[in-house]
Every structure is written in structure tokens, then in C-alpha cells.
Amino acid sequence: NVTFFCHPSGSIHLKKENHMPKVHYFVATGGTGRRMYGTCLTLWEPYKVQGKKKGDENEVEHDVFLPKCVVLLSIYPYLAAFREYLTQLNRMSKMGEMTLPMERYITNFCSEIPAPPPGSFEVQCTILDSIIKIWSPPHNQPIPWVSLPFSHLFECLDVDNIVLVWHCLVLERQVLLTSTQLSVLTTSAEILLSMLFPMRWS
């Protein structure tokens, strides 16, 4: 269920104050082992709830903020490109330049923009002042090599630890990654798996 991936804490929390939008990624693996990559933008929208104060039987309205998750799902790990698109889409909605609901723009993005064929072709999409480029390497190279920010991994781990994790993966040992930032977990894991090439983790 995609909902569980959108709310990794396991529950939906109401906030009394507005929060900045956040982006995180996830990978859902089906029964056949095929991966589905998700990019989730969490927004906070105002909402009114009815409630009672302690010792008072009268109901009063409370202003709270509910999380709204906008998710792009793809079989391709173009996580950085999808993050940029969702971020710019949210920015466009705040500027008041949207003539249609946000979901219509996402539907258009998913339906009308083709996945690039392997090789030297590049697909571009322009939104506001951002040009989003999606490129697929040749068949004999993994997509994460051109679609994921390798700098994230090297900012989080030093070279010795990266080599240690790679060594554990090659020996098919279990590896547990933890981080206080959800946005770097999935990208770091996918980069580590891509470093096994031409071998594959299964």
C-alpha cells in the first residue's frame, strides 16, 4: 500500500503550525521482485476539526494542518528529476499560476512525456525556470549512474565505510542503513546497489 510509504512513521500526525514541504523517496518491491520507485512530496494543508476542551462540554473548532502527499511512481529510478518536478510544481501552485489542479499536471507529465530509450537520447521538460533532463544510458549500464546524485552518498559516508558496505553486499550479507533524513536513504541504497554492477543484488 503506497500510503504506508508516504507516512513512514506509521501514522498521520496533525500539526498546529504549518511546516515546510518535504520530499522523500521509497522503493516498493512486488512479488516478482520488480521495483517501483516513488518520489513523495508532503505538503501541509489547513483544516478545521471539532473538539472539546478539558472540563468543557461545548465543541469548538481548532485550526490544524493535515499532511497531503503528492507521489510520482515509476519503474525507472529518476528520483532527482521527479523531485525537481514536484518541487517546481508546488512552487507554481504557491505563485498562483496554476490554471488546473496539481493532479492534472502530474497526469500530463506521466502520460505525455516518454521514457528515453537507452543510448544517446535525452528527454527534457520545462517547468517555470527549471529544465528537467532525463537520460537513459546504454543497455549495459545501470540507470542510477546517470539519474542519482552520487555526492549524497559520499557526503554521508567516508570512503572506508562505502568500501565496507560494498564488501558486505558482494558477500550477500544483510546491511541496515539508517538516517535522520529520509531523503537520502533510498538514493544512497540505490547508489550502493548500482556499484555492484555488473553483478546484481537479488
Protein backbone atom coordinates (compact mmCIF):
# COMPACT_ATOMS: atom_id res chain seq x y z
CA ASN A 1 0.00 0.00 0.00
CA VAL A 2 1.51 3.31 -1.11
CA THR A 3 0.03 5.06 1.96
CA PHE A 4 2.47 3.28 4.27
CA PHE A 5 5.40 4.52 2.20
CA CYS A 6 4.05 8.08 2.21
CA HIS A 7 3.88 8.09 6.02
CA PRO A 8 6.95 6.10 7.14
CA SER A 9 6.26 6.83 10.82
CA GLY A 10 3.20 4.59 10.55
CA SER A 11 0.59 7.21 11.38
CA ILE A 12 -0.75 10.55 10.17
CA HIS A 13 0.07 13.39 12.54
CA LEU A 14 -1.82 16.68 12.73
CA LYS A 15 0.24 19.83 13.21
CA LYS A 16 -0.78 23.03 14.92
CA GLU A 17 1.54 25.10 12.72
CA ASN A 18 2.34 25.00 9.04
CA HIS A 19 5.52 23.17 8.04
CA MET A 20 7.82 23.38 5.05
CA PRO A 21 7.20 20.81 2.29
CA LYS A 22 9.42 17.74 2.42
CA VAL A 23 10.47 15.20 -0.18
CA HIS A 24 11.45 11.60 0.42
CA TYR A 25 11.84 8.54 -1.75
CA PHE A 26 10.89 4.89 -1.44
CA VAL A 27 11.17 1.64 -3.37
CA ALA A 28 8.35 -0.90 -3.38
CA THR A 29 9.26 -4.41 -4.45
CA GLY A 30 6.49 -6.59 -5.84
CA GLY A 31 6.09 -10.35 -5.66
CA THR A 32 8.13 -10.78 -8.84
CA GLY A 33 11.00 -8.69 -7.49
CA ARG A 34 10.33 -5.77 -9.82
CA ARG A 35 10.99 -2.41 -8.22
CA MET A 36 8.62 0.56 -8.23
CA TYR A 37 10.30 3.86 -7.35
CA GLY A 38 8.32 6.54 -5.56
CA THR A 39 9.02 10.23 -5.04
CA CYS A 40 6.78 11.70 -2.35
CA LEU A 41 6.21 15.41 -1.73
CA THR A 42 4.48 16.07 1.61
CA LEU A 43 2.56 19.34 1.86
CA TRP A 44 0.61 20.71 4.83
CA GLU A 45 -2.90 22.00 4.20
CA PRO A 46 -5.11 23.92 6.67
CA TYR A 47 -8.10 22.09 8.09
CA LYS A 48 -10.69 22.69 10.81
CA VAL A 49 -11.56 19.96 13.32
CA GLN A 50 -14.21 19.83 16.01
CA GLY A 51 -13.05 19.12 19.52
CA LYS A 52 -13.76 19.64 23.21
CA LYS A 53 -11.53 21.24 25.78
CA LYS A 54 -10.98 19.51 29.10
CA GLY A 55 -13.81 20.27 31.51
CA ASP A 56 -15.91 21.87 28.78
CA GLU A 57 -18.78 20.07 27.03
CA ASN A 58 -19.07 22.62 24.22
CA GLU A 59 -17.42 21.75 20.93
CA VAL A 60 -15.01 24.27 19.46
CA GLU A 61 -13.19 24.46 16.14
CA HIS A 62 -9.46 24.00 16.02
CA ASP A 63 -7.23 25.06 13.15
CA VAL A 64 -4.79 22.30 12.26
CA PHE A 65 -2.64 21.29 9.30
CA LEU A 66 -3.07 17.92 7.60
CA PRO A 67 -0.37 16.25 5.50
CA LYS A 68 -1.12 15.90 1.80
CA CYS A 69 1.18 13.60 -0.14
CA VAL A 70 1.77 14.00 -3.87
CA VAL A 71 3.53 10.93 -5.25
CA LEU A 72 5.16 10.06 -8.57
CA LEU A 73 5.60 6.33 -9.20
CA SER A 74 7.88 4.93 -11.87
CA ILE A 75 9.71 1.75 -12.78
CA TYR A 76 12.73 3.98 -13.52
CA PRO A 77 14.88 5.49 -10.73
CA TYR A 78 14.80 9.08 -11.99
CA LEU A 79 14.35 10.26 -8.40
CA ALA A 80 16.26 13.55 -8.65
CA ALA A 81 14.31 14.58 -11.78
CA PHE A 82 10.98 13.70 -10.17
CA ARG A 83 11.92 15.64 -7.04
CA GLU A 84 12.69 18.71 -9.13
CA TYR A 85 9.39 18.41 -11.00
CA LEU A 86 7.28 18.08 -7.83
CA THR A 87 9.17 20.91 -6.11
CA GLN A 88 8.66 23.27 -9.05
CA LEU A 89 5.01 22.20 -9.31
CA ASN A 90 4.46 23.13 -5.67
CA ARG A 91 6.24 26.44 -6.25
CA MET A 92 3.98 27.14 -9.22
CA SER A 93 0.88 26.49 -7.09
CA LYS A 94 2.12 28.94 -4.44
CA MET A 95 2.68 31.59 -7.10
CA GLY A 96 -0.94 31.28 -8.21
CA GLU A 97 -0.01 30.40 -11.78
CA MET A 98 -1.88 27.09 -11.88
CA THR A 99 -4.96 27.02 -14.09
CA LEU A 100 -5.71 23.35 -13.32
CA PRO A 101 -5.48 21.15 -10.23
CA MET A 102 -1.99 19.89 -9.41
CA GLU A 103 -3.01 16.32 -10.14
CA ARG A 104 -3.78 17.22 -13.78
CA TYR A 105 -0.22 18.46 -14.29
CA ILE A 106 1.15 15.21 -12.85
CA THR A 107 -1.14 13.16 -15.11
CA ASN A 108 0.13 15.11 -18.11
CA PHE A 109 3.75 14.61 -17.01
CA CYS A 110 3.27 10.84 -16.66
CA SER A 111 1.20 10.35 -19.81
CA GLU A 112 2.77 12.72 -22.32
CA ILE A 113 6.50 12.65 -21.55
CA PRO A 114 8.04 9.41 -22.84
CA ALA A 115 10.80 7.49 -21.11
CA PRO A 116 14.03 7.96 -23.06
CA PRO A 117 15.27 4.91 -24.98
CA PRO A 118 18.68 3.55 -23.94
CA GLY A 119 21.52 5.36 -25.64
CA SER A 120 22.23 8.96 -26.53
CA PHE A 121 18.67 10.34 -26.47
CA GLU A 122 17.60 12.83 -23.81
CA VAL A 123 14.09 13.91 -22.82
CA GLN A 124 13.58 17.43 -21.49
CA CYS A 125 10.69 19.02 -19.66
CA THR A 126 10.45 22.68 -18.72
CA ILE A 127 8.51 23.91 -15.71
CA LEU A 128 8.88 27.53 -14.56
CA ASP A 129 12.60 28.34 -14.85
CA SER A 130 13.75 24.73 -14.43
CA ILE A 131 14.72 22.38 -17.25
CA ILE A 132 14.38 18.75 -16.18
CA LYS A 133 16.55 16.37 -18.18
CA ILE A 134 16.05 12.61 -18.24
CA TRP A 135 18.66 10.47 -19.95
CA SER A 136 18.98 6.69 -20.16
CA PRO A 137 22.43 5.12 -20.51
CA PRO A 138 23.13 2.22 -22.90
CA HIS A 139 21.70 -1.21 -22.05
CA ASN A 140 24.95 -2.35 -20.47
CA GLN A 141 24.96 0.38 -17.81
CA PRO A 142 22.61 0.89 -14.83
CA ILE A 143 20.28 3.91 -14.90
CA PRO A 144 21.32 5.11 -11.38
CA TRP A 145 24.74 6.01 -12.79
CA VAL A 146 23.16 8.96 -14.62
CA SER A 147 19.99 9.58 -12.58
CA LEU A 148 21.07 9.69 -8.94
CA PRO A 149 23.28 12.19 -7.08
CA PHE A 150 26.34 10.16 -6.05
CA SER A 151 27.51 13.13 -3.96
CA HIS A 152 24.80 12.34 -1.38
CA LEU A 153 26.40 9.01 -0.55
CA PHE A 154 29.90 10.45 -0.24
CA GLU A 155 28.62 13.30 1.95
CA CYS A 156 27.06 10.78 4.37
CA LEU A 157 29.77 8.09 4.43
CA ASP A 158 33.53 8.23 4.12
CA VAL A 159 35.33 6.09 1.53
CA ASP A 160 36.31 3.40 4.05
CA ASN A 161 32.68 2.86 5.10
CA ILE A 162 31.48 2.84 1.49
CA VAL A 163 34.03 0.13 0.67
CA LEU A 164 32.95 -1.80 3.79
CA VAL A 165 29.27 -1.69 2.79
CA TRP A 166 30.14 -2.67 -0.78
CA HIS A 167 32.17 -5.60 0.56
CA CYS A 168 29.19 -6.75 2.67
CA LEU A 169 26.85 -6.51 -0.32
CA VAL A 170 29.21 -8.55 -2.50
CA LEU A 171 29.27 -11.24 0.18
CA GLU A 172 25.43 -11.09 0.29
CA ARG A 173 25.35 -10.04 3.92
CA GLN A 174 22.49 -8.07 5.40
CA VAL A 175 23.04 -4.31 5.51
CA LEU A 176 20.93 -1.89 7.53
CA LEU A 177 21.02 1.80 6.56
CA THR A 178 19.75 4.43 9.00
CA SER A 179 19.50 8.19 8.69
CA THR A 180 17.74 11.12 10.30
CA GLN A 181 16.98 12.35 6.76
CA LEU A 182 14.54 10.19 4.82
CA SER A 183 15.50 11.91 1.59
CA VAL A 184 18.98 10.32 1.49
CA LEU A 185 18.14 6.73 2.50
CA THR A 186 16.69 5.46 -0.77
CA THR A 187 19.14 7.28 -3.03
CA SER A 188 22.12 6.02 -1.00
CA ALA A 189 20.81 2.44 -1.08
CA GLU A 190 20.22 2.54 -4.84
CA ILE A 191 23.68 4.03 -5.46
CA LEU A 192 25.28 1.28 -3.38
CA LEU A 193 23.38 -1.38 -5.34
CA SER A 194 24.42 0.20 -8.65
CA MET A 195 28.07 -0.04 -7.55
CA LEU A 196 27.73 -3.84 -7.67
CA PHE A 197 27.42 -3.67 -11.47
CA PRO A 198 27.81 -5.93 -13.46
CA MET A 199 26.62 -8.07 -10.55
CA ARG A 200 23.07 -7.65 -9.25
CA TRP A 201 21.59 -7.79 -5.79
CA SER A 202 18.70 -10.25 -5.61
